[in-house]
Amino acid sequence: MYAAMNAGRYQRQELIKQINREEKTSLLCYVSGLETEIDRNDVIGFVEMLHNIPENSSVDLLLNTYGGDVDACEKLVKLILAKVGTREFRVIVPDLAKSAGTLMALAASTIIMSNASELGMIDPQFLLRDARGNELMYSVTGYLEAYEEHCNALRRTPQDQIALLMLDGFEARTVKKFQGIRDRVRTFAEDMLKRRGAPSSTISQVLMSSTKWKTHGQPILYDDAKQLGLPIEYLAPDDPRWSRYWELYCSLRLQTENGKKIYESAYASQIV
């Protein structure tokens, strides 16, 4: 009865074992629903998935997330890298790895993508109240770029009334806070990119550019990511390897309805 009740889990784990044999790696799966984010609670799920993997092993991460907490993201990445050691760490993006998910992918030696895959800007988003008390989500980079634009206008023309008026809408405390958040994300991104000798400053700057990407959710597809200098391995939709990843992802995604996440490997399985 237990096996019958958990048949879906056993089928997924059998597919994971098959992929592990063929890819000569240990596959971890982190798939979250649309309403969930990367947070500190994810640490338990990742520790469980990594528990049975020997030190200095190649690890793949099948990743689906809209993003979340940068600090939690860094901890998850470092847990994986500590287990990988000198071996290879790859990220598979069947659907989307946005924002902090893209940050996680930057740590990989290879990012496996296909036509349905997308990354996103690493521009942090922050919730603030406006003068009327309404909660609004602000782009940290966009906020700072606007602030610096008005400051530069005022430096050029000290009597610029429009710049003076616009600067009244910025709080010094918020500007300082946002500068710290921006620098935190940029440093983390550059540290991950430096691991493989990539032009870290250039790539991180482009990934944070609100000029290059008009919205935070704008898809960065495999060809865009490759042009940026990211280590993309493209698999066609009908490639047998991609078909296995997609089959596994679809089975995992079905478990993430109603704001749930799933952590699954060949031996561990947890839905929260």
Protein backbone atom coordinates (compact mmCIF):
# COMPACT_ATOMS: atom_id res chain seq x y z
CA MET A 1 0.00 0.00 0.00
CA TYR A 2 2.82 2.42 0.87
CA ALA A 3 4.49 1.74 -2.49
CA ALA A 4 1.20 2.29 -4.31
CA MET A 5 0.56 5.56 -2.45
CA ASN A 6 4.06 6.82 -3.33
CA ALA A 7 4.30 5.41 -6.84
CA GLY A 8 4.96 8.84 -8.38
CA ARG A 9 7.93 9.43 -6.11
CA TYR A 10 9.45 6.02 -6.90
CA GLN A 11 9.01 6.59 -10.63
CA ARG A 12 10.74 9.97 -10.42
CA GLN A 13 13.60 8.58 -8.36
CA GLU A 14 14.08 5.72 -10.79
CA LEU A 15 14.37 8.28 -13.59
CA ILE A 16 16.88 10.27 -11.50
CA LYS A 17 18.96 7.10 -11.02
CA GLN A 18 18.85 6.47 -14.77
CA ILE A 19 20.04 10.03 -15.46
CA ASN A 20 22.80 9.65 -12.86
CA ARG A 21 24.09 6.51 -14.56
CA GLU A 22 24.06 8.07 -18.02
CA GLU A 23 25.47 11.46 -17.00
CA LYS A 24 27.90 10.03 -14.41
CA THR A 25 26.77 12.56 -11.83
CA SER A 26 24.49 13.01 -8.83
CA LEU A 27 21.33 14.88 -9.77
CA LEU A 28 19.54 17.11 -7.25
CA CYS A 29 16.13 18.62 -8.03
CA TYR A 30 14.82 21.86 -6.56
CA VAL A 31 11.48 22.84 -8.08
CA SER A 32 9.29 25.53 -6.57
CA GLY A 33 5.83 26.73 -7.47
CA LEU A 34 4.94 30.20 -8.68
CA GLU A 35 4.10 31.51 -5.20
CA THR A 36 7.29 30.39 -3.44
CA GLU A 37 10.79 31.84 -3.16
CA ILE A 38 14.28 30.73 -2.22
CA ASP A 39 14.61 31.19 1.54
CA ARG A 40 16.48 29.93 4.59
CA ASN A 41 14.09 27.00 5.00
CA ASP A 42 15.56 25.50 1.81
CA VAL A 43 18.79 24.66 3.64
CA ILE A 44 17.23 21.55 5.24
CA GLY A 45 16.08 20.20 1.88
CA PHE A 46 19.51 20.71 0.30
CA VAL A 47 21.37 19.14 3.22
CA GLU A 48 19.09 16.10 2.92
CA MET A 49 19.72 15.78 -0.82
CA LEU A 50 23.48 16.12 -0.38
CA HIS A 51 23.71 13.70 2.55
CA ASN A 52 24.35 10.47 0.56
CA ILE A 53 26.67 12.05 -2.02
CA PRO A 54 30.39 11.35 -1.45
CA GLU A 55 32.80 14.26 -1.11
CA ASN A 56 34.43 15.47 -4.34
CA SER A 57 31.56 14.29 -6.57
CA SER A 58 30.11 15.79 -9.74
CA VAL A 59 26.72 17.31 -8.96
CA ASP A 60 23.91 18.48 -11.24
CA LEU A 61 21.07 20.70 -10.04
CA LEU A 62 17.74 20.72 -11.88
CA LEU A 63 16.49 24.16 -10.89
CA ASN A 64 13.14 25.92 -11.20
CA THR A 65 12.53 29.11 -9.22
CA TYR A 66 11.37 32.71 -9.57
CA GLY A 67 14.13 33.82 -7.16
CA GLY A 68 14.21 34.89 -3.55
CA ASP A 69 16.65 35.69 -0.73
CA VAL A 70 20.22 36.34 -1.92
CA ASP A 71 21.75 35.30 1.42
CA ALA A 72 19.88 31.97 1.33
CA CYS A 73 20.92 31.52 -2.30
CA GLU A 74 24.59 31.94 -1.39
CA LYS A 75 24.35 29.40 1.41
CA LEU A 76 22.72 26.81 -0.87
CA VAL A 77 25.37 27.31 -3.55
CA LYS A 78 28.22 26.98 -1.06
CA LEU A 79 26.71 23.78 0.36
CA ILE A 80 26.81 22.28 -3.14
CA LEU A 81 30.30 23.59 -3.98
CA ALA A 82 31.70 22.19 -0.73
CA LYS A 83 30.45 18.75 -1.78
CA VAL A 84 31.66 19.12 -5.39
CA GLY A 85 35.22 20.14 -4.50
CA THR A 86 37.30 19.92 -7.67
CA ARG A 87 34.63 18.13 -9.70
CA GLU A 88 31.98 19.59 -12.00
CA PHE A 89 28.82 21.42 -10.95
CA ARG A 90 26.14 21.85 -13.63
CA VAL A 91 22.74 23.54 -13.50
CA ILE A 92 19.84 22.33 -15.66
CA VAL A 93 17.13 24.94 -16.35
CA PRO A 94 14.09 23.18 -17.85
CA ASP A 95 11.80 26.19 -17.48
CA LEU A 96 13.05 29.18 -15.50
CA ALA A 97 15.70 30.18 -12.98
CA LYS A 98 15.05 33.86 -12.38
CA SER A 99 16.75 36.47 -10.20
CA ALA A 100 18.40 34.60 -7.29
CA GLY A 101 17.96 31.43 -9.36
CA THR A 102 20.18 32.99 -12.03
CA LEU A 103 22.70 33.81 -9.29
CA MET A 104 22.77 30.11 -8.38
CA ALA A 105 23.33 29.21 -12.03
CA LEU A 106 26.33 31.57 -12.23
CA ALA A 107 28.19 29.19 -9.90
CA ALA A 108 27.92 26.35 -12.43
CA SER A 109 30.66 25.24 -14.79
CA THR A 110 27.88 24.48 -17.32
CA ILE A 111 24.28 25.70 -17.59
CA ILE A 112 22.14 23.29 -19.62
CA MET A 113 19.28 25.01 -21.45
CA SER A 114 16.81 24.39 -24.28
CA ASN A 115 14.12 26.39 -26.08
CA ALA A 116 11.84 26.60 -23.02
CA SER A 117 14.63 27.64 -20.65
CA GLU A 118 15.13 31.16 -19.34
CA LEU A 119 17.31 33.04 -16.89
CA GLY A 120 16.65 36.56 -15.65
CA MET A 121 18.10 39.81 -14.34
CA ILE A 122 19.90 39.63 -11.02
CA ASP A 123 18.59 43.07 -10.10
CA PRO A 124 17.22 42.75 -6.53
CA GLN A 125 13.62 43.72 -5.86
CA PHE A 126 12.67 45.40 -2.58
CA LEU A 127 9.28 46.11 -1.01
CA LEU A 128 8.80 49.70 0.22
CA ARG A 129 5.89 51.92 1.24
CA ASP A 130 5.31 55.11 -0.73
CA ALA A 131 4.24 58.45 0.78
CA ARG A 132 0.62 57.26 0.86
CA GLY A 133 1.43 54.04 2.65
CA ASN A 134 1.02 51.81 -0.40
CA GLU A 135 3.41 48.85 -0.64
CA LEU A 136 5.35 48.87 -3.91
CA MET A 137 8.07 46.60 -5.27
CA TYR A 138 11.11 48.62 -6.29
CA SER A 139 13.96 47.66 -8.57
CA VAL A 140 17.09 48.38 -6.53
CA THR A 141 19.14 49.07 -9.66
CA GLY A 142 16.42 51.17 -11.28
CA TYR A 143 15.97 53.23 -8.10
CA LEU A 144 19.70 53.92 -7.82
CA GLU A 145 20.09 54.66 -11.53
CA ALA A 146 17.29 57.25 -11.29
CA TYR A 147 18.87 58.77 -8.18
CA GLU A 148 22.29 59.02 -9.82
CA GLU A 149 20.77 60.50 -12.98
CA HIS A 150 19.16 63.36 -11.02
CA CYS A 151 22.35 63.88 -8.99
CA ASN A 152 24.39 64.17 -12.19
CA ALA A 153 21.86 66.64 -13.64
CA LEU A 154 22.20 68.77 -10.51
CA ARG A 155 26.00 68.67 -10.70
CA ARG A 156 25.83 69.94 -14.27
CA THR A 157 23.21 72.59 -13.47
CA PRO A 158 22.95 73.40 -9.74
CA GLN A 159 19.73 75.36 -10.31
CA ASP A 160 17.96 72.54 -12.16
CA GLN A 161 14.52 72.72 -10.53
CA ILE A 162 13.32 69.42 -11.98
CA ALA A 163 16.32 67.56 -10.58
CA LEU A 164 15.84 69.25 -7.18
CA LEU A 165 12.17 68.29 -7.16
CA MET A 166 12.86 64.69 -8.16
CA LEU A 167 15.59 64.28 -5.54
CA ASP A 168 13.08 65.26 -2.86
CA GLY A 169 11.42 61.92 -3.50
CA PHE A 170 14.53 59.94 -2.49
CA GLU A 171 15.41 59.13 1.11
CA ALA A 172 19.10 59.05 2.02
CA ARG A 173 18.54 56.01 4.24
CA THR A 174 16.87 54.08 1.40
CA VAL A 175 19.59 55.07 -1.08
CA LYS A 176 22.29 53.80 1.28
CA LYS A 177 20.39 50.57 1.95
CA PHE A 178 19.86 49.95 -1.77
CA GLN A 179 23.53 50.64 -2.52
CA GLY A 180 24.47 47.96 0.01
CA ILE A 181 22.02 45.46 -1.52
CA ARG A 182 23.26 46.17 -5.05
CA ASP A 183 26.91 45.79 -4.05
CA ARG A 184 26.11 42.58 -2.15
CA VAL A 185 24.53 40.98 -5.23
CA ARG A 186 27.24 42.21 -7.57
CA THR A 187 30.02 40.87 -5.35
CA PHE A 188 28.36 37.47 -5.02
CA ALA A 189 27.80 37.24 -8.79
CA GLU A 190 31.41 38.22 -9.53
CA ASP A 191 32.78 35.74 -6.99
CA MET A 192 30.83 32.92 -8.66
CA LEU A 193 31.91 33.95 -12.16
CA LYS A 194 35.57 34.25 -11.14
CA ARG A 195 35.59 30.55 -10.26
CA ARG A 196 35.85 29.72 -13.97
CA GLY A 197 37.80 32.78 -15.10
CA ALA A 198 34.84 34.56 -16.72
CA PRO A 199 34.83 38.37 -17.25
CA SER A 200 32.96 38.77 -13.98
CA SER A 201 32.53 42.55 -13.86
CA THR A 202 31.21 42.77 -17.41
CA ILE A 203 28.71 39.90 -17.07
CA SER A 204 27.40 40.99 -13.66
CA GLN A 205 26.98 44.57 -14.87
CA VAL A 206 24.95 43.46 -17.89
CA LEU A 207 22.79 41.10 -15.81
CA MET A 208 21.96 44.00 -13.48
CA SER A 209 21.33 46.55 -16.25
CA SER A 210 17.80 47.96 -16.40
CA THR A 211 18.79 49.52 -19.74
CA LYS A 212 19.58 46.15 -21.30
CA TRP A 213 16.58 44.36 -19.76
CA LYS A 214 13.44 46.49 -19.67
CA THR A 215 11.66 44.50 -16.95
CA HIS A 216 12.81 42.28 -14.10
CA GLY A 217 10.91 39.35 -15.60
CA GLN A 218 12.23 39.71 -19.16
CA PRO A 219 13.43 36.26 -20.32
CA ILE A 220 17.12 35.75 -20.95
CA LEU A 221 17.04 32.82 -23.36
CA TYR A 222 19.87 30.42 -24.13
CA ASP A 223 21.23 32.45 -27.07
CA ASP A 224 21.18 35.69 -25.01
CA ALA A 225 22.92 33.91 -22.14
CA LYS A 226 25.58 32.49 -24.46
CA GLN A 227 26.28 35.92 -25.96
CA LEU A 228 26.80 37.26 -22.43
CA GLY A 229 29.62 34.76 -21.99
CA LEU A 230 27.83 32.26 -19.77
CA PRO A 231 28.82 28.58 -20.18
CA ILE A 232 25.65 27.41 -21.95
CA GLU A 233 25.17 23.89 -23.27
CA TYR A 234 22.16 23.85 -25.58
CA LEU A 235 20.06 20.71 -25.98
CA ALA A 236 17.36 20.59 -28.66
CA PRO A 237 13.84 19.78 -27.42
CA ASP A 238 13.93 16.39 -29.17
CA ASP A 239 17.35 15.47 -27.79
CA PRO A 240 16.94 12.25 -25.72
CA ARG A 241 18.89 13.80 -22.84
CA TRP A 242 16.63 16.85 -22.77
CA SER A 243 13.52 14.68 -23.04
CA ARG A 244 14.51 12.89 -19.82
CA TYR A 245 15.09 16.20 -18.00
CA TRP A 246 11.77 17.57 -19.25
CA GLU A 247 9.87 14.42 -18.27
CA LEU A 248 11.36 14.61 -14.78
CA TYR A 249 10.65 18.34 -14.46
CA CYS A 250 7.00 17.93 -15.45
CA SER A 251 6.54 15.17 -12.86
CA LEU A 252 8.18 17.33 -10.19
CA ARG A 253 6.23 20.45 -11.14
CA LEU A 254 2.93 18.66 -10.56
CA GLN A 255 3.92 18.36 -6.90
CA THR A 256 4.36 22.13 -6.45
CA GLU A 257 0.74 23.26 -6.69
CA ASN A 258 -0.67 25.42 -3.88
CA GLY A 259 2.63 27.11 -3.09
CA LYS A 260 4.78 24.05 -2.48
CA LYS A 261 8.41 23.18 -3.19
CA ILE A 262 9.98 19.82 -3.83
CA TYR A 263 13.52 18.66 -3.10
CA GLU A 264 14.35 15.31 -4.65
CA SER A 265 17.40 13.18 -5.41
CA ALA A 266 17.92 9.46 -5.96
CA TYR A 267 17.58 8.90 -2.20
CA ALA A 268 15.88 11.93 -0.65
CA SER A 269 12.43 13.34 -1.30
CA GLN A 270 10.70 16.17 0.53
CA ILE A 271 7.69 18.30 -0.37
CA VAL A 272 6.96 21.40 1.74
